Amino acid sequence: MNFMNATKTWLAGGLATVVLAVGGCTAATVAATTSTSTSTGTSTSATVALTADHDDTADHTWDTSTEVTIDLSNPTATDGVTVKDGVITISAAGAYRLSGTLADGQVVVDTEDAGSVHLILDNASITNNDGSAIVIDKAELALIVLAKGTTNTVTDGATYAATGDDDPNSAIWSDSDLTILGEGTLNVTGNYNDAINGSDGVVIVSGTINATAKDDGIRGKDYLVIKGGTLAVTSSAGDTLKSDNEEDSGLGYVSIVDGTVALTSADDGIDAWSAISITGGSTTVASSVEGLEAKTISISGGTTTVTASDDGINATDSASTAGDMEAQDGTILSISGGELTVTADGDGLDSNGDIAMSGGTVVVNGPTNNGNAALDYNGTFLITGGSLMAGGSAGMAQAPGTESSQKSLMISVNAAAGSTIEVKDSSGTVIATFKPTRQTGSLVVSNDKVKEGETYTVYVDGATSGTTDTSQVTNGGGMGGGGGRGGGGRPDDQTTP
């Protein structure tokens, strides 16, 4: 290893790290409302403690007159900036505007003083052939600002000179709270491990972010909050969005508040240890093993589309000691609003605990094999509102519980992909139309038009297929427990503690 590489390695990995206490930040509380079941067929609300969010709009601005300009093509030392052997080190809080090309080097933030560090990327290109390209080793708060109308590129190497447990291991690596915002574009390629990796919290406010990673796409260990912007994230081996703090209560969550999010994953689309909350925006998991996976999953708004080779939505507690057939305490999938469309080869909606639905529109194209089902839960499924249509194989089919205040129909049907299934009441009014994208043997329908005591006729492509009523709904059938945490604890997982 030459001297330049040795210097980069020491600066990136040898400095002491400081983990900021989340509670010490000016926090805008993030909360997700879930529902719990009761024996009367109603549901009660509870708030998941997604309380750690360091983002404050006051931090989004800075004094432009004090900006320090750094020409990456020909960097020079100045107040708060040192340059040595391709490593640009920022050692004072403030705003730094980066432009030009750093062909093989590193930008390091290592500040002892109070105050935020703004890295303003203004048509910046940063590549490090043998390590992380941007390292935020120490800062009270770091913000990456994408200058309006600019395209910025951050790339690391496929091999790293420093590979210790505490060494940076991603194209953008932060040991402090990190916020990304702006009206420009950021293209990040993580050739070694992750594209963006935060050991504390990561908040994305705005901007266009295209991230490609060998392992996980974007990871915030404590939390990952997306408040806006346009994200396209691809992971070649890991999860696309991830939060995996297993130790601290209330942390380890992913929240999507707004924005357009497109995910292509070799493992989970969104994986969180404690909770996933989607309250708005447009989220598309184009491919995944499991689409969304966490102990608590709450969908209350937005448009969510999931395609999975295993379970589409999987509420599961990895720390639970419950058996495969037992309901996990505190594990719940809650749907109270928004539009959710799931296509899954495994279970469509799967909870190793409960499912509660009080609003929204859900369409599931579930499995064709009889070992899985469109709906699968170990505990209870109470539905009090919204529209649910879940089609799939018949062998393990489940429906919402009969004690639910909104009633359901469970229909045996033989419908090919591309056909049209209609359900009509006794007056001939269509109460539900389902167009399966795959062979369907069972269909569950629940909406406010389904009434107890009414008989419904089912049509496939205009031909009568049979009749049904709410008395044909049973709670049994599902095996439950089939979720697991797909890909969890991979031996090659290189994320930083």
Protein backbone atom coordinates (compact mmCIF):
# COMPACT_ATOMS: atom_id res chain seq x y z
CA MET A 1 0.00 0.00 0.00
CA ASN A 2 1.49 3.33 -1.01
CA PHE A 3 1.76 6.33 1.32
CA MET A 4 -1.26 8.08 -0.16
CA ASN A 5 -3.46 5.05 0.45
CA ALA A 6 -2.08 4.62 3.95
CA THR A 7 -2.92 8.24 4.76
CA LYS A 8 -6.44 7.88 3.44
CA THR A 9 -6.93 4.73 5.48
CA TRP A 10 -5.77 6.31 8.73
CA LEU A 11 -7.87 9.43 8.29
CA ALA A 12 -10.98 7.48 7.34
CA GLY A 13 -10.84 4.76 9.94
CA GLY A 14 -8.43 5.70 12.70
CA LEU A 15 -10.18 8.70 14.18
CA ALA A 16 -12.32 8.28 17.26
CA THR A 17 -16.04 8.13 16.61
CA VAL A 18 -18.78 10.00 18.40
CA VAL A 19 -22.37 8.80 18.38
CA LEU A 20 -24.77 11.66 19.09
CA ALA A 21 -27.66 11.06 21.46
CA VAL A 22 -30.84 11.30 19.40
CA GLY A 23 -32.73 12.85 22.27
CA GLY A 24 -30.30 15.78 22.25
CA CYS A 25 -31.30 16.88 18.75
CA THR A 26 -34.06 19.29 17.87
CA ALA A 27 -36.50 16.57 16.91
CA ALA A 28 -39.66 16.60 14.86
CA THR A 29 -41.41 13.55 16.20
CA VAL A 30 -42.27 10.83 13.71
CA ALA A 31 -45.21 8.68 14.70
CA ALA A 32 -47.10 5.82 13.14
CA THR A 33 -50.54 4.73 14.27
CA THR A 34 -51.31 1.06 14.38
CA SER A 35 -54.37 -0.82 15.56
CA THR A 36 -54.82 -3.64 18.00
CA SER A 37 -57.64 -6.13 17.98
CA THR A 38 -60.40 -6.58 20.54
CA SER A 39 -62.85 -9.39 21.12
CA THR A 40 -65.74 -7.19 19.96
CA GLY A 41 -64.48 -6.96 16.41
CA THR A 42 -63.30 -3.38 16.70
CA SER A 43 -59.78 -2.02 16.88
CA THR A 44 -58.02 0.43 19.13
CA SER A 45 -55.20 2.76 18.13
CA ALA A 46 -51.68 2.77 19.46
CA THR A 47 -48.67 4.88 18.57
CA VAL A 48 -45.44 3.24 17.55
CA ALA A 49 -42.55 5.10 19.14
CA LEU A 50 -40.90 6.45 16.02
CA THR A 51 -39.81 9.44 18.05
CA ALA A 52 -36.23 9.99 16.93
CA ASP A 53 -35.85 12.34 14.00
CA HIS A 54 -33.01 14.85 14.04
CA ASP A 55 -34.24 16.85 11.04
CA ASP A 56 -35.11 20.51 11.67
CA THR A 57 -35.88 22.95 8.86
CA ALA A 58 -33.79 25.55 10.68
CA ASP A 59 -30.74 23.47 9.74
CA HIS A 60 -31.57 23.61 6.02
CA THR A 61 -30.20 27.13 5.60
CA TRP A 62 -26.78 28.65 6.20
CA ASP A 63 -24.92 31.93 5.80
CA THR A 64 -23.84 31.87 2.16
CA SER A 65 -21.36 34.69 2.78
CA THR A 66 -19.25 32.36 4.91
CA GLU A 67 -19.17 29.45 2.46
CA VAL A 68 -15.79 27.87 1.89
CA THR A 69 -15.20 26.88 -1.74
CA ILE A 70 -13.34 23.64 -2.43
CA ASP A 71 -12.19 22.86 -5.95
CA LEU A 72 -12.00 19.07 -5.95
CA SER A 73 -9.90 19.08 -9.12
CA ASN A 74 -7.21 21.16 -7.43
CA PRO A 75 -7.91 21.33 -3.67
CA THR A 76 -5.91 23.67 -1.45
CA ALA A 77 -5.78 24.12 2.29
CA THR A 78 -7.70 26.99 3.88
CA ASP A 79 -9.41 27.79 7.17
CA GLY A 80 -11.03 24.57 8.41
CA VAL A 81 -9.69 22.53 5.48
CA THR A 82 -6.53 20.49 5.13
CA VAL A 83 -5.37 18.59 2.07
CA LYS A 84 -2.90 15.73 2.14
CA ASP A 85 -2.32 12.86 -0.26
CA GLY A 86 -5.73 13.10 -1.88
CA VAL A 87 -7.63 13.40 1.40
CA ILE A 88 -9.60 16.60 1.98
CA THR A 89 -10.36 16.97 5.69
CA ILE A 90 -12.91 19.44 7.01
CA SER A 91 -12.22 20.18 10.69
CA ALA A 92 -14.59 23.07 11.47
CA ALA A 93 -18.35 23.48 11.40
CA GLY A 94 -19.65 25.57 8.53
CA ALA A 95 -20.71 25.41 4.89
CA TYR A 96 -18.41 24.00 2.22
CA ARG A 97 -19.19 24.13 -1.49
CA LEU A 98 -17.57 21.26 -3.42
CA SER A 99 -17.17 21.40 -7.19
CA GLY A 100 -15.04 19.63 -9.78
CA THR A 101 -13.58 16.12 -9.82
CA LEU A 102 -11.64 14.21 -7.18
CA ALA A 103 -10.50 11.25 -9.27
CA ASP A 104 -9.07 9.14 -6.45
CA GLY A 105 -9.38 10.57 -3.00
CA GLN A 106 -11.67 11.17 -0.09
CA VAL A 107 -13.62 13.92 1.65
CA VAL A 108 -13.54 13.54 5.45
CA VAL A 109 -15.54 15.52 8.00
CA ASP A 110 -13.92 15.53 11.44
CA THR A 111 -15.08 18.43 13.60
CA GLU A 112 -14.70 18.93 17.33
CA ASP A 113 -16.67 22.18 17.61
CA ALA A 114 -20.41 22.57 17.92
CA GLY A 115 -22.46 23.36 14.85
CA SER A 116 -23.52 21.71 11.63
CA VAL A 117 -21.42 20.89 8.60
CA HIS A 118 -23.05 21.57 5.23
CA LEU A 119 -21.44 19.78 2.29
CA ILE A 120 -22.86 21.56 -0.74
CA LEU A 121 -22.32 19.38 -3.80
CA ASP A 122 -22.19 21.65 -6.85
CA ASN A 123 -21.47 19.39 -9.85
CA ALA A 124 -19.08 17.41 -7.69
CA SER A 125 -17.58 14.05 -8.59
CA ILE A 126 -15.80 12.12 -5.83
CA THR A 127 -14.22 8.70 -6.36
CA ASN A 128 -12.08 6.67 -3.99
CA ASN A 129 -10.63 3.55 -5.57
CA ASP A 130 -9.89 1.79 -2.28
CA GLY A 131 -12.26 3.18 0.34
CA SER A 132 -15.26 5.35 1.11
CA ALA A 133 -15.56 8.51 -0.95
CA ILE A 134 -17.28 10.66 1.71
CA VAL A 135 -16.62 9.94 5.39
CA ILE A 136 -18.41 11.86 8.12
CA ASP A 137 -16.37 10.77 11.08
CA LYS A 138 -17.37 13.40 13.59
CA ALA A 139 -19.90 16.23 13.43
CA GLU A 140 -22.76 17.51 15.52
CA LEU A 141 -24.90 17.21 12.39
CA ALA A 142 -23.93 16.65 8.78
CA LEU A 143 -26.00 17.80 5.82
CA ILE A 144 -25.33 16.91 2.20
CA VAL A 145 -26.93 19.61 0.06
CA LEU A 146 -27.52 18.96 -3.65
CA ALA A 147 -27.21 22.32 -5.40
CA LYS A 148 -30.11 23.12 -7.70
CA GLY A 149 -29.70 21.90 -11.27
CA THR A 150 -26.48 19.97 -10.57
CA THR A 151 -25.52 16.33 -11.03
CA ASN A 152 -23.18 14.89 -8.44
CA THR A 153 -21.43 11.52 -8.38
CA VAL A 154 -20.01 9.58 -5.44
CA THR A 155 -18.27 6.23 -6.03
CA ASP A 156 -16.16 3.89 -3.93
CA GLY A 157 -13.88 1.00 -4.90
CA ALA A 158 -14.72 -2.67 -5.16
CA THR A 159 -11.93 -3.41 -2.65
CA TYR A 160 -10.93 -1.41 0.43
CA ALA A 161 -7.51 -0.80 1.91
CA ALA A 162 -8.98 -0.78 5.45
CA THR A 163 -11.48 -3.52 6.29
CA GLY A 164 -11.63 -3.48 10.10
CA ASP A 165 -14.93 -3.58 11.98
CA ASP A 166 -14.78 0.14 12.75
CA ASP A 167 -13.59 1.27 9.33
CA PRO A 168 -15.95 3.05 6.91
CA ASN A 169 -17.38 0.57 4.45
CA SER A 170 -19.74 2.44 2.11
CA ALA A 171 -19.55 5.03 -0.64
CA ILE A 172 -21.07 7.62 1.71
CA TRP A 173 -20.44 6.71 5.34
CA SER A 174 -21.57 8.71 8.36
CA ASP A 175 -20.98 8.12 12.04
CA SER A 176 -23.18 11.14 12.85
CA ASP A 177 -26.77 12.07 12.06
CA LEU A 178 -27.03 12.76 8.34
CA THR A 179 -29.54 14.80 6.35
CA ILE A 180 -29.69 14.90 2.55
CA LEU A 181 -31.58 17.68 0.81
CA GLY A 182 -31.55 20.01 -2.18
CA GLU A 183 -32.83 20.32 -5.72
CA GLY A 184 -30.00 18.56 -7.51
CA THR A 185 -29.16 14.95 -8.35
CA LEU A 186 -26.92 12.55 -6.44
CA ASN A 187 -25.68 9.35 -8.09
CA VAL A 188 -24.11 7.00 -5.54
CA THR A 189 -22.45 3.68 -6.32
CA GLY A 190 -21.42 1.39 -3.49
CA ASN A 191 -19.13 -1.11 -5.16
CA TYR A 192 -17.88 -2.58 -1.89
CA ASN A 193 -20.87 -2.70 0.46
CA ASP A 194 -23.61 -0.08 0.90
CA ALA A 195 -24.25 3.06 -1.11
CA ILE A 196 -25.23 5.29 1.86
CA ASN A 197 -24.65 4.07 5.41
CA GLY A 198 -25.45 6.01 8.59
CA SER A 199 -24.52 4.63 12.01
CA ASP A 200 -27.06 7.01 13.58
CA GLY A 201 -30.08 8.46 11.80
CA VAL A 202 -30.47 9.28 8.10
CA VAL A 203 -33.14 11.70 6.87
CA ILE A 204 -33.77 12.42 3.19
CA VAL A 205 -35.71 15.64 2.71
CA SER A 206 -35.51 16.26 -1.04
CA GLY A 207 -33.43 15.82 -4.16
CA THR A 208 -33.04 13.10 -6.75
CA ILE A 209 -31.00 10.18 -5.45
CA ASN A 210 -29.94 7.22 -7.58
CA ALA A 211 -28.19 4.64 -5.43
CA THR A 212 -26.73 1.30 -6.47
CA ALA A 213 -25.08 -0.98 -3.95
CA LYS A 214 -23.40 -4.34 -3.71
CA ASP A 215 -25.16 -4.94 -0.38
CA ASP A 216 -27.72 -2.56 1.18
CA GLY A 217 -28.80 0.52 -0.71
CA ILE A 218 -29.49 3.13 2.00
CA ARG A 219 -29.10 2.26 5.68
CA GLY A 220 -29.77 4.33 8.78
CA LYS A 221 -28.95 2.13 11.75
CA ASP A 222 -31.11 4.10 14.21
CA TYR A 223 -33.68 5.22 11.64
CA LEU A 224 -34.18 6.08 7.99
CA VAL A 225 -36.79 8.75 7.28
CA ILE A 226 -37.77 9.80 3.76
CA LYS A 227 -39.71 13.06 3.73
CA GLY A 228 -39.56 13.78 0.01
CA GLY A 229 -37.49 13.63 -3.13
CA THR A 230 -37.16 11.04 -5.86
CA LEU A 231 -35.23 7.88 -4.98
CA ALA A 232 -34.21 4.97 -7.17
CA VAL A 233 -32.33 2.36 -5.13
CA THR A 234 -30.92 -0.97 -6.31
CA SER A 235 -29.22 -3.57 -4.12
CA SER A 236 -27.33 -6.44 -5.70
CA ALA A 237 -27.22 -8.67 -2.62
CA GLY A 238 -28.87 -6.95 0.34
CA ASP A 239 -31.89 -4.80 1.21
CA THR A 240 -32.65 -1.53 -0.53
CA LEU A 241 -33.81 0.47 2.52
CA LYS A 242 -32.73 -0.68 5.96
CA SER A 243 -32.67 0.16 9.67
CA ASP A 244 -31.29 -2.44 12.05
CA ASN A 245 -30.75 -1.07 15.55
CA GLU A 246 -31.63 -4.11 17.66
CA GLU A 247 -30.67 -2.74 21.06
CA ASP A 248 -32.42 0.60 21.59
CA SER A 249 -36.18 0.70 22.10
CA GLY A 250 -37.95 2.95 19.60
CA LEU A 251 -35.12 2.81 17.08
CA GLY A 252 -34.50 0.58 14.09
CA TYR A 253 -37.29 1.93 11.89
CA VAL A 254 -37.95 3.16 8.35
CA SER A 255 -40.52 5.90 7.73
CA ILE A 256 -41.72 7.14 4.34
CA VAL A 257 -43.63 10.38 4.70
CA ASP A 258 -43.60 11.60 1.10
CA GLY A 259 -41.65 11.40 -2.14
CA THR A 260 -41.29 8.91 -4.96
CA VAL A 261 -39.38 5.79 -4.00
CA ALA A 262 -38.47 3.02 -6.47
CA LEU A 263 -36.71 -0.06 -5.09
CA THR A 264 -35.12 -3.05 -6.79
CA SER A 265 -33.80 -5.53 -4.27
CA ALA A 266 -31.98 -8.84 -4.19
CA ASP A 267 -33.36 -9.32 -0.66
CA ASP A 268 -35.92 -7.20 1.18
CA GLY A 269 -37.29 -4.01 -0.32
CA ILE A 270 -37.61 -2.34 3.09
CA ASP A 271 -36.23 -4.11 6.15
CA ALA A 272 -36.51 -2.66 9.66
CA TRP A 273 -35.87 -4.23 13.03
CA SER A 274 -38.74 -2.51 14.84
CA ALA A 275 -41.14 -0.71 12.49
CA ILE A 276 -42.00 0.45 8.99
CA SER A 277 -44.34 3.40 8.57
CA ILE A 278 -45.71 4.63 5.23
CA THR A 279 -47.89 7.70 5.54
CA GLY A 280 -47.65 9.21 2.06
CA GLY A 281 -45.80 9.36 -1.23
CA SER A 282 -45.38 6.67 -3.84
CA THR A 283 -43.38 3.56 -2.98
CA THR A 284 -42.69 0.83 -5.52
CA VAL A 285 -40.80 -2.36 -4.73
CA ALA A 286 -40.25 -3.61 -8.27
CA SER A 287 -38.57 -6.84 -7.19
CA SER A 288 -37.60 -8.39 -3.87
CA VAL A 289 -37.51 -11.58 -1.85
CA GLU A 290 -39.78 -9.99 0.75
CA GLY A 291 -41.21 -6.56 0.06
CA LEU A 292 -41.65 -4.99 3.51
CA GLU A 293 -40.45 -6.66 6.70
CA ALA A 294 -40.54 -5.44 10.31
CA LYS A 295 -42.14 -6.24 13.65
CA THR A 296 -44.70 -3.47 13.19
CA ILE A 297 -45.80 -2.31 9.74
CA SER A 298 -48.18 0.63 9.44
CA ILE A 299 -49.62 1.89 6.14
CA SER A 300 -51.86 4.92 6.52
CA GLY A 301 -51.47 6.78 3.23
CA GLY A 302 -49.70 7.02 -0.09
CA THR A 303 -49.51 4.47 -2.88
CA THR A 304 -47.50 1.32 -2.24
CA THR A 305 -46.81 -1.38 -4.84
CA VAL A 306 -44.88 -4.52 -3.91
CA THR A 307 -43.61 -7.45 -5.98
CA ALA A 308 -41.96 -10.29 -4.06
CA SER A 309 -40.69 -13.80 -4.72
CA ASP A 310 -41.60 -14.70 -1.12
CA ASP A 311 -43.90 -12.70 1.19
CA GLY A 312 -45.13 -9.34 0.01
CA ILE A 313 -45.67 -7.81 3.45
CA ASN A 314 -44.20 -9.65 6.43
CA ALA A 315 -44.82 -8.49 9.99
CA THR A 316 -42.49 -10.53 12.18
CA ASP A 317 -40.45 -10.17 15.35
CA SER A 318 -37.01 -11.71 14.93
CA ALA A 319 -36.45 -11.62 18.68
CA SER A 320 -39.62 -13.58 19.44
CA THR A 321 -39.35 -17.03 20.97
CA ALA A 322 -42.90 -17.95 19.94
CA GLY A 323 -43.31 -21.17 17.97
CA ASP A 324 -44.10 -21.22 14.28
CA MET A 325 -47.82 -21.59 14.91
CA GLU A 326 -48.02 -19.12 17.81
CA ALA A 327 -48.91 -15.46 17.59
CA GLN A 328 -46.03 -13.12 18.35
CA ASP A 329 -46.82 -10.53 21.00
CA GLY A 330 -46.79 -6.97 19.66
CA THR A 331 -46.35 -8.00 16.03
CA ILE A 332 -48.91 -6.31 13.79
CA LEU A 333 -49.65 -5.20 10.25
CA SER A 334 -51.93 -2.16 10.38
CA ILE A 335 -53.60 -0.64 7.31
CA SER A 336 -55.66 2.49 7.85
CA GLY A 337 -55.39 4.33 4.54
CA GLY A 338 -53.63 4.63 1.21
CA GLU A 339 -53.51 2.21 -1.69
CA LEU A 340 -51.59 -1.06 -1.41
CA THR A 341 -51.05 -3.52 -4.26
CA VAL A 342 -49.12 -6.73 -3.62
CA THR A 343 -47.96 -9.44 -6.00
CA ALA A 344 -46.28 -12.28 -4.14
CA ASP A 345 -45.16 -15.85 -4.82
CA GLY A 346 -45.25 -16.47 -1.07
CA ASP A 347 -47.87 -15.04 1.27
CA GLY A 348 -49.34 -11.73 0.16
CA LEU A 349 -50.02 -10.17 3.57
CA ASP A 350 -48.29 -12.15 6.31
CA SER A 351 -48.27 -11.38 10.02
CA ASN A 352 -46.79 -13.65 12.64
CA GLY A 353 -49.05 -11.69 14.99
CA ASP A 354 -52.15 -9.69 14.10
CA ILE A 355 -53.54 -7.79 11.12
CA ALA A 356 -55.84 -4.79 11.58
CA MET A 357 -57.44 -2.92 8.70
CA SER A 358 -59.61 0.16 9.19
CA GLY A 359 -59.27 1.95 5.84
CA GLY A 360 -57.46 2.14 2.55
CA THR A 361 -57.60 -0.03 -0.55
CA VAL A 362 -55.71 -3.34 -0.68
CA VAL A 363 -55.37 -5.62 -3.70
CA VAL A 364 -53.37 -8.85 -3.39
CA ASN A 365 -52.36 -11.19 -6.20
CA GLY A 366 -51.04 -13.99 -4.08
CA PRO A 367 -49.37 -17.33 -4.67
CA THR A 368 -50.39 -20.08 -7.07
CA ASN A 369 -48.90 -22.83 -4.88
CA ASN A 370 -51.06 -24.24 -2.09
CA GLY A 371 -48.32 -23.95 0.53
CA ASN A 372 -48.86 -20.19 0.78
CA ALA A 373 -51.84 -17.85 0.80
CA ALA A 374 -52.90 -14.35 -0.13
CA LEU A 375 -53.56 -13.71 3.58
CA ASP A 376 -51.67 -15.41 6.41
CA TYR A 377 -51.75 -14.54 10.11
CA ASN A 378 -51.06 -16.29 13.40
CA GLY A 379 -53.13 -14.07 15.66
CA THR A 380 -56.27 -12.18 14.63
CA PHE A 381 -57.32 -10.21 11.55
CA LEU A 382 -59.97 -7.63 12.33
CA ILE A 383 -61.27 -5.45 9.52
CA THR A 384 -63.39 -2.42 10.35
CA GLY A 385 -63.18 -0.44 7.12
CA GLY A 386 -61.56 -0.05 3.74
CA SER A 387 -61.62 -2.28 0.67
CA LEU A 388 -59.80 -5.63 0.52
CA MET A 389 -59.51 -8.00 -2.42
CA ALA A 390 -57.03 -10.82 -1.95
CA GLY A 391 -56.72 -13.58 -4.52
CA GLY A 392 -54.43 -16.59 -4.57
CA SER A 393 -54.23 -20.32 -4.10
CA ALA A 394 -56.96 -22.10 -2.15
CA GLY A 395 -54.99 -24.61 -0.08
CA MET A 396 -54.03 -22.37 2.85
CA ALA A 397 -56.48 -19.51 2.30
CA GLN A 398 -57.48 -17.32 5.24
CA ALA A 399 -59.94 -14.44 5.55
CA PRO A 400 -60.41 -11.70 8.14
CA GLY A 401 -61.92 -12.94 11.39
CA THR A 402 -65.67 -13.50 11.56
CA GLU A 403 -65.84 -11.22 14.60
CA SER A 404 -64.82 -8.23 12.44
CA SER A 405 -67.36 -5.41 12.29
CA GLN A 406 -66.93 -5.22 8.50
CA LYS A 407 -67.90 -8.52 6.94
CA SER A 408 -66.01 -10.53 4.32
CA LEU A 409 -66.67 -13.06 1.58
CA MET A 410 -64.41 -16.05 0.97
CA ILE A 411 -64.92 -17.30 -2.57
CA SER A 412 -63.76 -20.53 -4.19
CA VAL A 413 -63.14 -19.77 -7.84
CA ASN A 414 -61.20 -21.00 -10.84
CA ALA A 415 -59.99 -17.93 -12.68
CA ALA A 416 -57.08 -17.59 -15.07
CA ALA A 417 -54.70 -14.67 -15.19
CA GLY A 418 -56.25 -11.82 -17.12
CA SER A 419 -59.84 -12.86 -16.43
CA THR A 420 -62.46 -10.69 -14.72
CA ILE A 421 -64.14 -11.80 -11.50
CA GLU A 422 -67.30 -9.94 -10.54
CA VAL A 423 -69.30 -10.28 -7.35
CA LYS A 424 -72.95 -9.15 -7.52
CA ASP A 425 -75.58 -8.84 -4.85
CA SER A 426 -79.15 -10.14 -5.16
CA SER A 427 -80.23 -7.02 -7.06
CA GLY A 428 -77.50 -7.52 -9.66
CA THR A 429 -75.33 -4.67 -8.42
CA VAL A 430 -71.59 -5.27 -8.71
CA ILE A 431 -70.00 -4.92 -5.27
CA ALA A 432 -66.48 -5.97 -6.28
CA THR A 433 -64.43 -6.52 -9.44
CA PHE A 434 -61.11 -8.34 -9.36
CA LYS A 435 -58.79 -8.86 -12.32
CA PRO A 436 -56.18 -11.42 -11.29
CA THR A 437 -52.71 -11.25 -12.78
CA ARG A 438 -52.22 -14.98 -12.15
CA GLN A 439 -54.22 -18.17 -11.72
CA THR A 440 -56.58 -17.74 -8.76
CA GLY A 441 -58.35 -20.43 -6.72
CA SER A 442 -59.56 -18.35 -3.80
CA LEU A 443 -60.69 -14.74 -3.46
CA VAL A 444 -61.41 -12.78 -0.30
CA VAL A 445 -63.57 -9.67 -0.64
CA SER A 446 -64.34 -7.20 2.13
CA ASN A 447 -65.87 -3.74 1.79
CA ASP A 448 -68.79 -1.76 3.15
CA LYS A 449 -71.15 -3.36 0.59
CA VAL A 450 -70.75 -6.86 2.03
CA LYS A 451 -73.73 -7.53 4.29
CA GLU A 452 -74.43 -10.41 6.61
CA GLY A 453 -77.40 -12.50 5.43
CA GLU A 454 -77.03 -11.49 1.78
CA THR A 455 -76.26 -14.04 -0.94
CA TYR A 456 -73.82 -13.02 -3.67
CA THR A 457 -73.30 -14.45 -7.14
CA VAL A 458 -69.82 -14.78 -8.57
CA TYR A 459 -69.08 -14.39 -12.27
CA VAL A 460 -65.87 -15.18 -14.17
CA ASP A 461 -65.70 -13.43 -17.53
CA GLY A 462 -69.47 -13.00 -17.44
CA ALA A 463 -70.29 -16.65 -16.70
CA THR A 464 -71.82 -17.68 -13.38
CA SER A 465 -69.29 -19.40 -11.16
CA GLY A 466 -71.36 -19.94 -8.03
CA THR A 467 -72.77 -18.16 -4.99
CA THR A 468 -71.39 -17.21 -1.59
CA ASP A 469 -72.27 -15.45 1.64
CA THR A 470 -70.53 -14.29 4.81
CA SER A 471 -71.23 -17.58 6.59
CA GLN A 472 -68.65 -19.29 4.36
CA VAL A 473 -65.84 -17.27 5.93
CA THR A 474 -63.62 -19.26 8.29
CA ASN A 475 -60.59 -18.09 10.24
CA GLY A 476 -58.57 -21.25 9.76
CA GLY A 477 -56.31 -22.46 7.00
CA GLY A 478 -53.14 -20.42 7.36
CA MET A 479 -49.97 -21.98 8.69
CA GLY A 480 -48.62 -18.67 9.93
CA GLY A 481 -45.05 -18.39 11.00
CA GLY A 482 -43.82 -18.71 7.46
CA GLY A 483 -42.38 -15.26 7.42
CA GLY A 484 -39.06 -15.44 9.14
CA ARG A 485 -36.69 -12.61 8.32
CA GLY A 486 -35.57 -13.33 4.80
CA GLY A 487 -31.87 -12.92 4.51
CA GLY A 488 -31.47 -11.81 8.12
CA GLY A 489 -28.05 -12.31 9.64
CA ARG A 490 -26.28 -12.95 6.36
CA PRO A 491 -22.71 -14.02 7.10
CA ASP A 492 -21.44 -11.59 4.48
CA ASP A 493 -23.38 -8.62 5.84
CA GLN A 494 -20.81 -5.84 6.29
CA THR A 495 -22.93 -3.13 7.83
CA THR A 496 -21.31 -1.09 10.58
CA PRO A 497 -22.48 -1.45 14.19
